[in-house]
Amino acid sequence: MRKFVVFALFAALSVCGMLFADNDLSENGSVVIKKDTLVYKGKALKPAVKVYCGGNKPLKQKKEYTLSFENNDQIGTARAVATGAGKYSGQAVGEFTINPGPVKIKKLKSIESGFEASWKPSSGVDGYELLYTAPDESQSGSLLVAGEQSSSVQVTRLVPNTTYQVCLRSYKKVDGKNYYSAWSKAKKFTVAKSKDPDDGGDDDIDDGPAFAEKYMVVDLASGSSDPVTDPVGPAEGYLRILRGGSYYFYPKESRSAYRSRYSRTDNYNNDSGIRVVLVLG
């Protein structure tokens, strides 16, 4: 009889323990956020959530859990924290993303061989990314513009008489991760035809920097000149120095000693590179 009573008590305690474990949000709870990607609006954001604990029926707020938020008033990753109440214990957490607000291009202004894009700066961001695309993918590219108050950027060395789609977005870096706004509505821009006819001469060849001899390789980053060594450029940054000219475009840009910059390090196009020339006679 005594053994039976001990066994029954042990079984009852085990069942109670299982019930308590089932009611632990830390073990069996989940927080489902209806809309887990939001746009920063300068104030705390509280998306609608549902809290579950080992079943398909959502728990009742205040009676069975309380809800709080963390980092929900800034760009980045925020948290919704459900803490058990009543017969429930422990905590369950759900995460949601807050991205920068929208930004749009105000104007595209024509400049030599390209355009200047301008926009109204957004608050609370680290910078902007401009994307320009052409029918020929090799002529497309993007530029990162650092600085919250930045409001314009110039894009040059584009193909004359070509129409580009241009759009913009902002970004914020938090804990090593970039958070982006949505891309703005694309604007179309057609690059004007060249006003610099290529007559095959070298009238447009400029003298270059004072520290470089004409037609000599120039390292634009350090200010040194060397006929053999490639220009190195800065160790960091999105833009890279290009060595060599093109097989078309303005005469001054067709020289093998021509130096410029390009924003895409993983791309190529037909207005950058080198040419091999065979001199006859």
C-alpha atoms as a PDB file:
ATOM      1  CA  MET A   1       0.000   0.000   0.000  1.00  0.00           C
ATOM      2  CA  ARG A   2       2.806   2.383   0.917  1.00  0.00           C
ATOM      3  CA  LYS A   3       4.575   1.630  -2.379  1.00  0.00           C
ATOM      4  CA  PHE A   4       1.368   2.382  -4.280  1.00  0.00           C
ATOM      5  CA  VAL A   5       0.935   5.750  -2.537  1.00  0.00           C
ATOM      6  CA  VAL A   6       4.539   6.730  -3.295  1.00  0.00           C
ATOM      7  CA  PHE A   7       4.162   5.723  -6.929  1.00  0.00           C
ATOM      8  CA  ALA A   8       0.902   7.667  -7.296  1.00  0.00           C
ATOM      9  CA  LEU A   9       2.473  10.762  -5.733  1.00  0.00           C
ATOM     10  CA  PHE A  10       5.487  10.505  -8.043  1.00  0.00           C
ATOM     11  CA  ALA A  11       3.210  10.152 -11.085  1.00  0.00           C
ATOM     12  CA  ALA A  12       1.148  13.157 -10.037  1.00  0.00           C
ATOM     13  CA  LEU A  13       4.242  15.300  -9.567  1.00  0.00           C
ATOM     14  CA  SER A  14       5.539  14.178 -12.965  1.00  0.00           C
ATOM     15  CA  VAL A  15       2.284  15.152 -14.667  1.00  0.00           C
ATOM     16  CA  CYS A  16       2.307  18.540 -12.942  1.00  0.00           C
ATOM     17  CA  GLY A  17       5.881  19.057 -14.044  1.00  0.00           C
ATOM     18  CA  MET A  18       4.929  18.282 -17.631  1.00  0.00           C
ATOM     19  CA  LEU A  19       2.034  20.692 -17.430  1.00  0.00           C
ATOM     20  CA  PHE A  20       4.225  23.438 -16.054  1.00  0.00           C
ATOM     21  CA  ALA A  21       6.780  22.749 -18.794  1.00  0.00           C
ATOM     22  CA  ASP A  22       4.053  22.989 -21.444  1.00  0.00           C
ATOM     23  CA  ASN A  23       3.169  26.443 -20.098  1.00  0.00           C
ATOM     24  CA  ASP A  24       6.736  27.757 -20.324  1.00  0.00           C
ATOM     25  CA  LEU A  25       6.996  30.276 -23.161  1.00  0.00           C
ATOM     26  CA  SER A  26      10.773  29.907 -23.167  1.00  0.00           C
ATOM     27  CA  GLU A  27      10.378  26.260 -24.181  1.00  0.00           C
ATOM     28  CA  ASN A  28       7.142  26.081 -26.149  1.00  0.00           C
ATOM     29  CA  GLY A  29       6.234  29.686 -26.909  1.00  0.00           C
ATOM     30  CA  SER A  30       6.395  31.597 -30.185  1.00  0.00           C
ATOM     31  CA  VAL A  31       5.710  35.191 -31.230  1.00  0.00           C
ATOM     32  CA  VAL A  32       4.217  35.637 -34.696  1.00  0.00           C
ATOM     33  CA  ILE A  33       4.491  39.172 -36.074  1.00  0.00           C
ATOM     34  CA  LYS A  34       1.899  40.018 -38.703  1.00  0.00           C
ATOM     35  CA  LYS A  35       4.141  42.476 -40.568  1.00  0.00           C
ATOM     36  CA  ASP A  36       7.814  41.873 -39.872  1.00  0.00           C
ATOM     37  CA  THR A  37       9.261  44.570 -42.174  1.00  0.00           C
ATOM     38  CA  LEU A  38       8.396  48.181 -41.351  1.00  0.00           C
ATOM     39  CA  VAL A  39       9.515  51.649 -42.432  1.00  0.00           C
ATOM     40  CA  TYR A  40      11.154  54.052 -39.985  1.00  0.00           C
ATOM     41  CA  LYS A  41       8.917  57.019 -39.124  1.00  0.00           C
ATOM     42  CA  GLY A  42      10.864  58.681 -36.324  1.00  0.00           C
ATOM     43  CA  LYS A  43       8.796  57.094 -33.534  1.00  0.00           C
ATOM     44  CA  ALA A  44       8.323  53.750 -31.815  1.00  0.00           C
ATOM     45  CA  LEU A  45       6.640  51.105 -33.970  1.00  0.00           C
ATOM     46  CA  LYS A  46       4.451  48.373 -32.485  1.00  0.00           C
ATOM     47  CA  PRO A  47       3.293  45.813 -35.046  1.00  0.00           C
ATOM     48  CA  ALA A  48       0.413  43.464 -34.297  1.00  0.00           C
ATOM     49  CA  VAL A  49       1.536  40.115 -32.835  1.00  0.00           C
ATOM     50  CA  LYS A  50       0.059  36.786 -31.784  1.00  0.00           C
ATOM     51  CA  VAL A  51       1.590  34.636 -29.058  1.00  0.00           C
ATOM     52  CA  TYR A  52       1.285  30.844 -28.923  1.00  0.00           C
ATOM     53  CA  CYS A  53       2.384  28.200 -26.425  1.00  0.00           C
ATOM     54  CA  GLY A  54       2.335  24.626 -27.693  1.00  0.00           C
ATOM     55  CA  GLY A  55      -0.949  24.920 -29.578  1.00  0.00           C
ATOM     56  CA  ASN A  56      -2.882  26.573 -32.407  1.00  0.00           C
ATOM     57  CA  LYS A  57      -4.870  28.885 -30.166  1.00  0.00           C
ATOM     58  CA  PRO A  58      -3.307  32.298 -29.503  1.00  0.00           C
ATOM     59  CA  LEU A  59      -2.897  33.376 -25.887  1.00  0.00           C
ATOM     60  CA  LYS A  60      -4.764  36.312 -24.416  1.00  0.00           C
ATOM     61  CA  GLN A  61      -2.714  39.464 -23.831  1.00  0.00           C
ATOM     62  CA  LYS A  62      -2.579  40.767 -20.234  1.00  0.00           C
ATOM     63  CA  LYS A  63      -4.336  37.639 -18.899  1.00  0.00           C
ATOM     64  CA  GLU A  64      -1.854  35.055 -20.191  1.00  0.00           C
ATOM     65  CA  TYR A  65       1.083  37.213 -21.284  1.00  0.00           C
ATOM     66  CA  THR A  66       2.363  40.789 -21.329  1.00  0.00           C
ATOM     67  CA  LEU A  67       4.024  42.367 -24.340  1.00  0.00           C
ATOM     68  CA  SER A  68       6.990  44.733 -24.573  1.00  0.00           C
ATOM     69  CA  PHE A  69       9.255  45.987 -27.399  1.00  0.00           C
ATOM     70  CA  GLU A  70      12.983  46.609 -27.743  1.00  0.00           C
ATOM     71  CA  ASN A  71      14.839  48.841 -30.267  1.00  0.00           C
ATOM     72  CA  ASN A  72      11.548  49.610 -32.015  1.00  0.00           C
ATOM     73  CA  ASP A  73      12.212  53.356 -32.313  1.00  0.00           C
ATOM     74  CA  GLN A  74      15.210  53.181 -34.661  1.00  0.00           C
ATOM     75  CA  ILE A  75      16.428  51.647 -37.902  1.00  0.00           C
ATOM     76  CA  GLY A  76      17.641  48.074 -37.495  1.00  0.00           C
ATOM     77  CA  THR A  77      16.332  44.858 -35.950  1.00  0.00           C
ATOM     78  CA  ALA A  78      13.677  45.241 -33.244  1.00  0.00           C
ATOM     79  CA  ARG A  79      12.215  42.677 -30.829  1.00  0.00           C
ATOM     80  CA  ALA A  80       8.745  41.879 -29.523  1.00  0.00           C
ATOM     81  CA  VAL A  81       9.011  40.159 -26.116  1.00  0.00           C
ATOM     82  CA  ALA A  82       6.113  38.151 -24.670  1.00  0.00           C
ATOM     83  CA  THR A  83       6.360  37.400 -20.921  1.00  0.00           C
ATOM     84  CA  GLY A  84       4.123  34.731 -19.453  1.00  0.00           C
ATOM     85  CA  ALA A  85       1.327  35.706 -17.018  1.00  0.00           C
ATOM     86  CA  GLY A  86      -1.243  33.740 -15.033  1.00  0.00           C
ATOM     87  CA  LYS A  87      -0.480  30.034 -15.479  1.00  0.00           C
ATOM     88  CA  TYR A  88       2.198  30.823 -18.101  1.00  0.00           C
ATOM     89  CA  SER A  89       5.866  31.565 -17.385  1.00  0.00           C
ATOM     90  CA  GLY A  90       9.057  32.352 -19.285  1.00  0.00           C
ATOM     91  CA  GLN A  91       9.547  34.558 -22.340  1.00  0.00           C
ATOM     92  CA  ALA A  92       9.230  34.202 -26.113  1.00  0.00           C
ATOM     93  CA  VAL A  93      10.762  36.647 -28.586  1.00  0.00           C
ATOM     94  CA  GLY A  94       9.961  37.639 -32.159  1.00  0.00           C
ATOM     95  CA  GLU A  95      12.077  39.930 -34.359  1.00  0.00           C
ATOM     96  CA  PHE A  96      11.111  42.453 -37.012  1.00  0.00           C
ATOM     97  CA  THR A  97      13.042  44.807 -39.297  1.00  0.00           C
ATOM     98  CA  ILE A  98      12.807  48.594 -39.457  1.00  0.00           C
ATOM     99  CA  ASN A  99      14.208  50.009 -42.709  1.00  0.00           C
ATOM    100  CA  PRO A 100      14.933  53.656 -43.641  1.00  0.00           C
ATOM    101  CA  GLY A 101      12.074  55.728 -45.015  1.00  0.00           C
ATOM    102  CA  PRO A 102      11.620  56.363 -48.750  1.00  0.00           C
ATOM    103  CA  VAL A 103      13.712  58.828 -50.725  1.00  0.00           C
ATOM    104  CA  LYS A 104      13.104  60.086 -54.255  1.00  0.00           C
ATOM    105  CA  ILE A 105      15.066  61.791 -57.000  1.00  0.00           C
ATOM    106  CA  LYS A 106      14.105  65.442 -57.408  1.00  0.00           C
ATOM    107  CA  LYS A 107      15.967  66.199 -60.623  1.00  0.00           C
ATOM    108  CA  LEU A 108      18.307  64.757 -63.249  1.00  0.00           C
ATOM    109  CA  LYS A 109      20.451  67.512 -64.750  1.00  0.00           C
ATOM    110  CA  SER A 110      22.425  67.044 -67.938  1.00  0.00           C
ATOM    111  CA  ILE A 111      26.215  67.447 -67.722  1.00  0.00           C
ATOM    112  CA  GLU A 112      29.015  66.499 -70.111  1.00  0.00           C
ATOM    113  CA  SER A 113      28.791  62.760 -70.923  1.00  0.00           C
ATOM    114  CA  GLY A 114      26.339  62.121 -68.086  1.00  0.00           C
ATOM    115  CA  PHE A 115      23.957  63.587 -65.539  1.00  0.00           C
ATOM    116  CA  GLU A 116      23.744  65.010 -62.036  1.00  0.00           C
ATOM    117  CA  ALA A 117      21.081  63.520 -59.750  1.00  0.00           C
ATOM    118  CA  SER A 118      19.732  65.499 -56.784  1.00  0.00           C
ATOM    119  CA  TRP A 119      17.400  64.559 -53.933  1.00  0.00           C
ATOM    120  CA  LYS A 120      16.141  65.720 -50.544  1.00  0.00           C
ATOM    121  CA  PRO A 121      18.275  64.240 -47.723  1.00  0.00           C
ATOM    122  CA  SER A 122      16.679  61.804 -45.276  1.00  0.00           C
ATOM    123  CA  SER A 123      17.249  61.870 -41.520  1.00  0.00           C
ATOM    124  CA  GLY A 124      18.885  59.038 -39.604  1.00  0.00           C
ATOM    125  CA  VAL A 125      20.700  57.395 -42.545  1.00  0.00           C
ATOM    126  CA  ASP A 126      24.370  56.906 -43.379  1.00  0.00           C
ATOM    127  CA  GLY A 127      24.149  57.541 -47.104  1.00  0.00           C
ATOM    128  CA  TYR A 128      22.541  56.741 -50.428  1.00  0.00           C
ATOM    129  CA  GLU A 129      22.915  54.374 -53.374  1.00  0.00           C
ATOM    130  CA  LEU A 130      22.190  55.494 -56.930  1.00  0.00           C
ATOM    131  CA  LEU A 131      21.486  52.861 -59.557  1.00  0.00           C
ATOM    132  CA  TYR A 132      21.548  53.576 -63.294  1.00  0.00           C
ATOM    133  CA  THR A 133      20.694  50.894 -65.816  1.00  0.00           C
ATOM    134  CA  ALA A 134      20.923  50.800 -69.595  1.00  0.00           C
ATOM    135  CA  PRO A 135      19.663  48.293 -72.200  1.00  0.00           C
ATOM    136  CA  ASP A 136      23.259  47.059 -72.394  1.00  0.00           C
ATOM    137  CA  GLU A 137      23.969  45.690 -68.898  1.00  0.00           C
ATOM    138  CA  SER A 138      27.689  46.390 -69.266  1.00  0.00           C
ATOM    139  CA  GLN A 139      26.870  50.132 -69.319  1.00  0.00           C
ATOM    140  CA  SER A 140      24.933  49.968 -66.031  1.00  0.00           C
ATOM    141  CA  GLY A 141      26.325  50.724 -62.602  1.00  0.00           C
ATOM    142  CA  SER A 142      25.742  52.113 -59.138  1.00  0.00           C
ATOM    143  CA  LEU A 143      27.309  54.666 -56.815  1.00  0.00           C
ATOM    144  CA  LEU A 144      27.409  54.826 -53.027  1.00  0.00           C
ATOM    145  CA  VAL A 145      27.187  58.370 -51.661  1.00  0.00           C
ATOM    146  CA  ALA A 146      28.152  58.607 -47.986  1.00  0.00           C
ATOM    147  CA  GLY A 147      26.703  61.190 -45.620  1.00  0.00           C
ATOM    148  CA  GLU A 148      23.226  61.824 -44.242  1.00  0.00           C
ATOM    149  CA  GLN A 149      23.139  65.351 -45.679  1.00  0.00           C
ATOM    150  CA  SER A 150      24.418  64.385 -49.138  1.00  0.00           C
ATOM    151  CA  SER A 151      21.963  65.612 -51.742  1.00  0.00           C
ATOM    152  CA  SER A 152      23.515  65.092 -55.177  1.00  0.00           C
ATOM    153  CA  VAL A 153      25.990  63.059 -57.204  1.00  0.00           C
ATOM    154  CA  GLN A 154      27.377  63.229 -60.731  1.00  0.00           C
ATOM    155  CA  VAL A 155      27.604  60.252 -63.063  1.00  0.00           C
ATOM    156  CA  THR A 156      29.847  60.655 -66.123  1.00  0.00           C
ATOM    157  CA  ARG A 157      31.420  58.580 -68.897  1.00  0.00           C
ATOM    158  CA  LEU A 158      28.020  57.366 -70.039  1.00  0.00           C
ATOM    159  CA  VAL A 159      27.177  56.356 -73.598  1.00  0.00           C
ATOM    160  CA  PRO A 160      25.880  59.249 -75.744  1.00  0.00           C
ATOM    161  CA  ASN A 161      22.323  59.021 -77.073  1.00  0.00           C
ATOM    162  CA  THR A 162      21.505  56.202 -74.610  1.00  0.00           C
ATOM    163  CA  THR A 163      18.525  56.200 -72.247  1.00  0.00           C
ATOM    164  CA  TYR A 164      19.157  55.173 -68.633  1.00  0.00           C
ATOM    165  CA  GLN A 165      16.739  54.233 -65.863  1.00  0.00           C
ATOM    166  CA  VAL A 166      17.841  55.956 -62.636  1.00  0.00           C
ATOM    167  CA  CYS A 167      16.622  55.212 -59.115  1.00  0.00           C
ATOM    168  CA  LEU A 168      17.783  55.898 -55.570  1.00  0.00           C
ATOM    169  CA  ARG A 169      17.644  54.384 -52.091  1.00  0.00           C
ATOM    170  CA  SER A 170      19.085  55.241 -48.672  1.00  0.00           C
ATOM    171  CA  TYR A 171      20.947  52.971 -46.253  1.00  0.00           C
ATOM    172  CA  LYS A 172      21.860  52.734 -42.583  1.00  0.00           C
ATOM    173  CA  LYS A 173      24.578  50.476 -41.177  1.00  0.00           C
ATOM    174  CA  VAL A 174      23.759  48.912 -37.797  1.00  0.00           C
ATOM    175  CA  ASP A 175      26.004  46.313 -36.134  1.00  0.00           C
ATOM    176  CA  GLY A 176      27.793  45.626 -39.403  1.00  0.00           C
ATOM    177  CA  LYS A 177      24.602  45.131 -41.434  1.00  0.00           C
ATOM    178  CA  ASN A 178      23.150  47.533 -44.011  1.00  0.00           C
ATOM    179  CA  TYR A 179      19.448  48.321 -43.881  1.00  0.00           C
ATOM    180  CA  TYR A 180      18.041  49.793 -47.113  1.00  0.00           C
ATOM    181  CA  SER A 181      14.977  51.780 -48.012  1.00  0.00           C
ATOM    182  CA  ALA A 182      12.897  50.717 -50.985  1.00  0.00           C
ATOM    183  CA  TRP A 183      14.143  51.896 -54.389  1.00  0.00           C
ATOM    184  CA  SER A 184      12.583  55.139 -55.535  1.00  0.00           C
ATOM    185  CA  LYS A 185      10.466  55.267 -58.663  1.00  0.00           C
ATOM    186  CA  ALA A 186      12.805  55.161 -61.647  1.00  0.00           C
ATOM    187  CA  LYS A 187      13.384  58.266 -63.741  1.00  0.00           C
ATOM    188  CA  LYS A 188      14.488  58.120 -67.367  1.00  0.00           C
ATOM    189  CA  PHE A 189      17.430  60.134 -68.650  1.00  0.00           C
ATOM    190  CA  THR A 190      18.878  60.223 -72.168  1.00  0.00           C
ATOM    191  CA  VAL A 191      22.529  61.194 -72.446  1.00  0.00           C
ATOM    192  CA  ALA A 192      23.093  63.924 -75.021  1.00  0.00           C
ATOM    193  CA  LYS A 193      24.979  63.215 -78.205  1.00  0.00           C
ATOM    194  CA  SER A 194      28.693  63.947 -78.095  1.00  0.00           C
ATOM    195  CA  LYS A 195      29.693  67.513 -78.957  1.00  0.00           C
ATOM    196  CA  ASP A 196      33.316  66.427 -79.276  1.00  0.00           C
ATOM    197  CA  PRO A 197      33.806  64.847 -82.723  1.00  0.00           C
ATOM    198  CA  ASP A 198      36.613  62.332 -82.942  1.00  0.00           C
ATOM    199  CA  ASP A 199      38.778  63.606 -85.754  1.00  0.00           C
ATOM    200  CA  GLY A 200      41.589  61.205 -84.972  1.00  0.00           C
ATOM    201  CA  GLY A 201      43.850  63.959 -83.668  1.00  0.00           C
ATOM    202  CA  ASP A 202      45.186  64.673 -80.196  1.00  0.00           C
ATOM    203  CA  ASP A 203      43.863  68.232 -79.780  1.00  0.00           C
ATOM    204  CA  ASP A 204      41.928  67.188 -76.700  1.00  0.00           C
ATOM    205  CA  ILE A 205      44.854  65.520 -74.934  1.00  0.00           C
ATOM    206  CA  ASP A 206      45.399  67.472 -71.756  1.00  0.00           C
ATOM    207  CA  ASP A 207      48.637  67.983 -69.892  1.00  0.00           C
ATOM    208  CA  GLY A 208      47.460  66.112 -66.804  1.00  0.00           C
ATOM    209  CA  PRO A 209      48.787  66.782 -63.290  1.00  0.00           C
ATOM    210  CA  ALA A 210      51.944  68.817 -62.880  1.00  0.00           C
ATOM    211  CA  PHE A 211      53.777  65.847 -61.364  1.00  0.00           C
ATOM    212  CA  ALA A 212      53.167  63.608 -64.391  1.00  0.00           C
ATOM    213  CA  GLU A 213      54.766  63.678 -67.797  1.00  0.00           C
ATOM    214  CA  LYS A 214      52.469  63.516 -70.786  1.00  0.00           C
ATOM    215  CA  TYR A 215      51.452  59.934 -71.749  1.00  0.00           C
ATOM    216  CA  MET A 216      52.969  58.565 -68.514  1.00  0.00           C
ATOM    217  CA  VAL A 217      51.242  56.272 -66.038  1.00  0.00           C
ATOM    218  CA  VAL A 218      49.982  58.241 -63.045  1.00  0.00           C
ATOM    219  CA  ASP A 219      48.994  57.016 -59.595  1.00  0.00           C
ATOM    220  CA  LEU A 220      46.196  59.438 -58.748  1.00  0.00           C
ATOM    221  CA  ALA A 221      46.116  58.306 -55.123  1.00  0.00           C
ATOM    222  CA  SER A 222      49.732  58.997 -54.170  1.00  0.00           C
ATOM    223  CA  GLY A 223      50.727  61.578 -56.773  1.00  0.00           C
ATOM    224  CA  SER A 224      53.640  59.525 -58.116  1.00  0.00           C
ATOM    225  CA  SER A 225      54.425  58.672 -61.718  1.00  0.00           C
ATOM    226  CA  ASP A 226      55.884  55.420 -62.924  1.00  0.00           C
ATOM    227  CA  PRO A 227      55.907  54.103 -66.509  1.00  0.00           C
ATOM    228  CA  VAL A 228      55.543  50.490 -65.331  1.00  0.00           C
ATOM    229  CA  THR A 229      53.610  50.223 -62.079  1.00  0.00           C
ATOM    230  CA  ASP A 230      49.826  50.251 -62.197  1.00  0.00           C
ATOM    231  CA  PRO A 231      48.037  52.961 -60.199  1.00  0.00           C
ATOM    232  CA  VAL A 232      47.021  51.541 -56.839  1.00  0.00           C
ATOM    233  CA  GLY A 233      44.350  53.916 -55.605  1.00  0.00           C
ATOM    234  CA  PRO A 234      42.908  54.051 -52.085  1.00  0.00           C
ATOM    235  CA  ALA A 235      42.706  50.883 -50.000  1.00  0.00           C
ATOM    236  CA  GLU A 236      39.015  51.451 -49.234  1.00  0.00           C
ATOM    237  CA  GLY A 237      36.078  52.976 -51.038  1.00  0.00           C
ATOM    238  CA  TYR A 238      33.664  52.085 -53.813  1.00  0.00           C
ATOM    239  CA  LEU A 239      35.358  53.921 -56.695  1.00  0.00           C
ATOM    240  CA  ARG A 240      38.392  52.508 -58.467  1.00  0.00           C
ATOM    241  CA  ILE A 241      40.969  54.066 -60.773  1.00  0.00           C
ATOM    242  CA  LEU A 242      40.856  52.871 -64.380  1.00  0.00           C
ATOM    243  CA  ARG A 243      43.989  52.390 -66.423  1.00  0.00           C
ATOM    244  CA  GLY A 244      43.809  52.948 -70.156  1.00  0.00           C
ATOM    245  CA  GLY A 245      41.392  54.413 -72.644  1.00  0.00           C
ATOM    246  CA  SER A 246      38.667  53.078 -74.877  1.00  0.00           C
ATOM    247  CA  TYR A 247      38.180  52.052 -78.460  1.00  0.00           C
ATOM    248  CA  TYR A 248      35.751  54.918 -79.007  1.00  0.00           C
ATOM    249  CA  PHE A 249      34.567  58.138 -77.335  1.00  0.00           C
ATOM    250  CA  TYR A 250      36.431  61.433 -77.026  1.00  0.00           C
ATOM    251  CA  PRO A 251      40.031  61.564 -78.304  1.00  0.00           C
ATOM    252  CA  LYS A 252      41.426  62.427 -74.871  1.00  0.00           C
ATOM    253  CA  GLU A 253      39.818  59.289 -73.434  1.00  0.00           C
ATOM    254  CA  SER A 254      41.334  57.016 -76.075  1.00  0.00           C
ATOM    255  CA  ARG A 255      44.896  57.327 -74.821  1.00  0.00           C
ATOM    256  CA  SER A 256      46.457  54.309 -73.149  1.00  0.00           C
ATOM    257  CA  ALA A 257      47.678  56.730 -70.471  1.00  0.00           C
ATOM    258  CA  TYR A 258      44.181  57.982 -69.716  1.00  0.00           C
ATOM    259  CA  ARG A 259      43.099  57.696 -66.061  1.00  0.00           C
ATOM    260  CA  SER A 260      39.580  57.914 -64.674  1.00  0.00           C
ATOM    261  CA  ARG A 261      37.358  56.227 -62.104  1.00  0.00           C
ATOM    262  CA  TYR A 262      34.551  53.724 -62.214  1.00  0.00           C
ATOM    263  CA  SER A 263      32.131  52.594 -59.550  1.00  0.00           C
ATOM    264  CA  ARG A 264      31.786  48.920 -60.378  1.00  0.00           C
ATOM    265  CA  THR A 265      34.809  46.759 -59.592  1.00  0.00           C
ATOM    266  CA  ASP A 266      33.081  43.641 -60.893  1.00  0.00           C
ATOM    267  CA  ASN A 267      32.003  45.010 -64.237  1.00  0.00           C
ATOM    268  CA  TYR A 268      33.434  46.061 -67.578  1.00  0.00           C
ATOM    269  CA  ASN A 269      32.355  48.196 -70.492  1.00  0.00           C
ATOM    270  CA  ASN A 270      33.604  49.378 -73.844  1.00  0.00           C
ATOM    271  CA  ASP A 271      34.796  52.795 -72.694  1.00  0.00           C
ATOM    272  CA  SER A 272      37.466  51.494 -70.341  1.00  0.00           C
ATOM    273  CA  GLY A 273      40.490  49.284 -70.810  1.00  0.00           C
ATOM    274  CA  ILE A 274      43.593  49.316 -73.028  1.00  0.00           C
ATOM    275  CA  ARG A 275      44.244  49.132 -76.727  1.00  0.00           C
ATOM    276  CA  VAL A 276      46.929  47.245 -78.622  1.00  0.00           C
ATOM    277  CA  VAL A 277      48.295  49.271 -81.527  1.00  0.00           C
ATOM    278  CA  LEU A 278      50.564  48.042 -84.326  1.00  0.00           C
ATOM    279  CA  VAL A 279      52.639  50.823 -85.852  1.00  0.00           C
ATOM    280  CA  LEU A 280      53.312  50.068 -89.529  1.00  0.00           C
ATOM    281  CA  GLY A 281      56.411  51.140 -91.369  1.00  0.00           C
END
